Amino acid sequence: MTDLPLTYNRCSICGSQPYNRLDLMNIGPVRFWEPDDGWKIGSLCPGCYKAYGNAQPKPSDYAYRTQNCLTIDTDEDATIAM
């Protein structure tokens, strides 16, 4: 963790901020995956960096369909086809 850039900026996830040299410095700027917002760039405290620093998106994080189109039978009613 010593080769990562250190900053006094507020953590982008939990909001903790180091106030002096005795506090653990936050890491940043780093790119991380946040499940609610997607890819973000910001600073992370050491605890959030362990949890989110190497996290990757899961297929359940994206909205997708198993079909490419809706299956609507328009032969029955002509108003559905309009």
C-alpha atoms as a PDB file:
ATOM      1  CA  MET A   1       0.000   0.000   0.000  1.00  0.00           C
ATOM      2  CA  THR A   2       3.006   2.310   0.218  1.00  0.00           C
ATOM      3  CA  ASP A   3       3.211   2.799  -3.560  1.00  0.00           C
ATOM      4  CA  LEU A   4      -0.361   4.159  -3.741  1.00  0.00           C
ATOM      5  CA  PRO A   5      -0.942   7.934  -3.759  1.00  0.00           C
ATOM      6  CA  LEU A   6      -1.997   9.316  -0.363  1.00  0.00           C
ATOM      7  CA  THR A   7      -4.295  12.256   0.264  1.00  0.00           C
ATOM      8  CA  TYR A   8      -6.095  14.206   2.996  1.00  0.00           C
ATOM      9  CA  ASN A   9      -9.313  14.253   0.927  1.00  0.00           C
ATOM     10  CA  ARG A  10     -12.537  12.790   2.302  1.00  0.00           C
ATOM     11  CA  CYS A  11     -13.312   9.108   1.567  1.00  0.00           C
ATOM     12  CA  SER A  12     -15.784   8.838  -1.315  1.00  0.00           C
ATOM     13  CA  ILE A  13     -17.738   5.987   0.335  1.00  0.00           C
ATOM     14  CA  CYS A  14     -17.817   6.422   4.122  1.00  0.00           C
ATOM     15  CA  GLY A  15     -16.810  10.096   4.370  1.00  0.00           C
ATOM     16  CA  SER A  16     -13.925   9.698   6.831  1.00  0.00           C
ATOM     17  CA  GLN A  17     -11.182  12.306   6.589  1.00  0.00           C
ATOM     18  CA  PRO A  18      -7.692  12.317   8.151  1.00  0.00           C
ATOM     19  CA  TYR A  19      -7.040  15.503  10.128  1.00  0.00           C
ATOM     20  CA  ASN A  20      -3.331  15.252  10.929  1.00  0.00           C
ATOM     21  CA  ARG A  21      -0.240  13.161  10.200  1.00  0.00           C
ATOM     22  CA  LEU A  22      -1.073  10.710  12.993  1.00  0.00           C
ATOM     23  CA  ASP A  23      -4.289   9.591  11.266  1.00  0.00           C
ATOM     24  CA  LEU A  24      -4.173   6.985   8.518  1.00  0.00           C
ATOM     25  CA  MET A  25      -4.030   8.773   5.177  1.00  0.00           C
ATOM     26  CA  ASN A  26      -6.693   8.148   2.558  1.00  0.00           C
ATOM     27  CA  ILE A  27      -5.713   6.627  -0.784  1.00  0.00           C
ATOM     28  CA  GLY A  28      -6.468   8.551  -3.928  1.00  0.00           C
ATOM     29  CA  PRO A  29      -7.179   9.262  -6.602  1.00  0.00           C
ATOM     30  CA  VAL A  30      -8.145   5.673  -7.395  1.00  0.00           C
ATOM     31  CA  ARG A  31     -10.727   4.108  -9.697  1.00  0.00           C
ATOM     32  CA  PHE A  32     -13.144   1.806  -7.900  1.00  0.00           C
ATOM     33  CA  TRP A  33     -16.440   0.003  -8.505  1.00  0.00           C
ATOM     34  CA  GLU A  34     -19.275   1.182  -6.297  1.00  0.00           C
ATOM     35  CA  PRO A  35     -22.337  -1.099  -6.619  1.00  0.00           C
ATOM     36  CA  ASP A  36     -24.891   1.732  -6.547  1.00  0.00           C
ATOM     37  CA  ASP A  37     -23.132   4.230  -8.830  1.00  0.00           C
ATOM     38  CA  GLY A  38     -20.821   2.132 -11.019  1.00  0.00           C
ATOM     39  CA  TRP A  39     -17.213   3.104 -11.776  1.00  0.00           C
ATOM     40  CA  LYS A  40     -16.021   6.148  -9.852  1.00  0.00           C
ATOM     41  CA  ILE A  41     -12.766   8.010  -9.315  1.00  0.00           C
ATOM     42  CA  GLY A  42     -12.094   9.352  -5.850  1.00  0.00           C
ATOM     43  CA  SER A  43     -10.232   8.810  -2.619  1.00  0.00           C
ATOM     44  CA  LEU A  44     -10.792   5.859  -0.270  1.00  0.00           C
ATOM     45  CA  CYS A  45      -9.894   5.276   3.363  1.00  0.00           C
ATOM     46  CA  PRO A  46      -7.836   2.111   4.025  1.00  0.00           C
ATOM     47  CA  GLY A  47     -10.938   0.188   5.190  1.00  0.00           C
ATOM     48  CA  CYS A  48     -13.001   1.041   2.112  1.00  0.00           C
ATOM     49  CA  TYR A  49      -9.992   0.389  -0.128  1.00  0.00           C
ATOM     50  CA  LYS A  50      -9.823  -3.184   1.193  1.00  0.00           C
ATOM     51  CA  ALA A  51     -13.546  -3.657   0.511  1.00  0.00           C
ATOM     52  CA  TYR A  52     -13.935  -1.784  -2.798  1.00  0.00           C
ATOM     53  CA  GLY A  53     -10.431  -1.174  -4.180  1.00  0.00           C
ATOM     54  CA  ASN A  54     -10.241  -4.388  -6.187  1.00  0.00           C
ATOM     55  CA  ALA A  55     -13.974  -5.073  -6.565  1.00  0.00           C
ATOM     56  CA  GLN A  56     -15.286  -5.818 -10.047  1.00  0.00           C
ATOM     57  CA  PRO A  57     -18.855  -5.537 -11.330  1.00  0.00           C
ATOM     58  CA  LYS A  58     -21.059  -8.629 -11.184  1.00  0.00           C
ATOM     59  CA  PRO A  59     -23.638  -9.541 -13.844  1.00  0.00           C
ATOM     60  CA  SER A  60     -26.384  -8.779 -11.324  1.00  0.00           C
ATOM     61  CA  ASP A  61     -25.210  -5.129 -11.185  1.00  0.00           C
ATOM     62  CA  TYR A  62     -26.475  -4.498 -14.731  1.00  0.00           C
ATOM     63  CA  ALA A  63     -30.049  -4.383 -15.969  1.00  0.00           C
ATOM     64  CA  TYR A  64     -30.456  -6.705 -18.934  1.00  0.00           C
ATOM     65  CA  ARG A  65     -33.013  -8.901 -20.655  1.00  0.00           C
ATOM     66  CA  THR A  66     -32.694 -12.519 -21.615  1.00  0.00           C
ATOM     67  CA  GLN A  67     -34.567 -11.746 -24.867  1.00  0.00           C
ATOM     68  CA  ASN A  68     -33.756  -9.068 -27.408  1.00  0.00           C
ATOM     69  CA  CYS A  69     -37.394  -8.262 -28.158  1.00  0.00           C
ATOM     70  CA  LEU A  70     -40.836  -8.484 -26.683  1.00  0.00           C
ATOM     71  CA  THR A  71     -42.857 -11.461 -27.835  1.00  0.00           C
ATOM     72  CA  ILE A  72     -46.203  -9.948 -28.769  1.00  0.00           C
ATOM     73  CA  ASP A  73     -48.576 -11.829 -31.029  1.00  0.00           C
ATOM     74  CA  THR A  74     -50.025  -9.119 -33.313  1.00  0.00           C
ATOM     75  CA  ASP A  75     -52.079 -11.547 -35.404  1.00  0.00           C
ATOM     76  CA  GLU A  76     -54.944 -11.483 -32.909  1.00  0.00           C
ATOM     77  CA  ASP A  77     -55.552  -7.728 -32.622  1.00  0.00           C
ATOM     78  CA  ALA A  78     -54.542  -5.118 -35.191  1.00  0.00           C
ATOM     79  CA  THR A  79     -54.416  -2.297 -32.600  1.00  0.00           C
ATOM     80  CA  ILE A  80     -51.491  -3.970 -30.836  1.00  0.00           C
ATOM     81  CA  ALA A  81     -49.461  -3.748 -34.055  1.00  0.00           C
ATOM     82  CA  MET A  82     -49.836   0.054 -34.229  1.00  0.00           C
END
